[in-house]
């Protein structure tokens, strides 16, 4: 479970970073998740990570304040300490439709929209990992994706460069800056068509 939470937390940070359009401090974010899990474990709670769908939903709704998180925490605390089961009055289809909406949005973003942002080899890794997760489970999918990535790197395929070479990083930054305008246009188009 620890491995799954660590990996999912990293993916959550990457998803939030992608939507924000700026870099986040992974060490800080993952330490926050770690300390939260320690406190949760010491008080009898479950392991957890970011609710990145809530973060992305808030960003896309134009909420750029920490108040959203504080309101969520407040209403969750009220729900937990309330003597009445508040959630029993909410119809199940509301929860089901919310889960379906989030799942469809994530699948469109990470399986369809991703193809224009990565190389063909990276896209093949993403699709293969997803398919393996569906058939064999999350852990098998993660291991298969890592194994496939390593095999592709050893075969010399272009699956994304994780180099620390400063000149290569500067070239990549120039490429990202030139593609930044394209991303802004796509975002304006998305915002114009979303409700």
Foldseek 3Di string as FASTA:
>chain_A
DVVVQLVVQVVLQVVLCVLVVHDDDSVVQSVVLVVVQVVQVVVVHDRDHDPSLQVSVCVLVVNPDCVVVVVVVVVVVCCVPPPDNPCVPPDPVVVVVVVVVSVVVVCCVQLPVCPVVFDPLQNVLSVQLVVCCVVPNNVRSVVSSVVSVVVCVVVVHPNDDPDPDPVVVVVVVVVCVVCVVVVVVVSVVVSVPDD
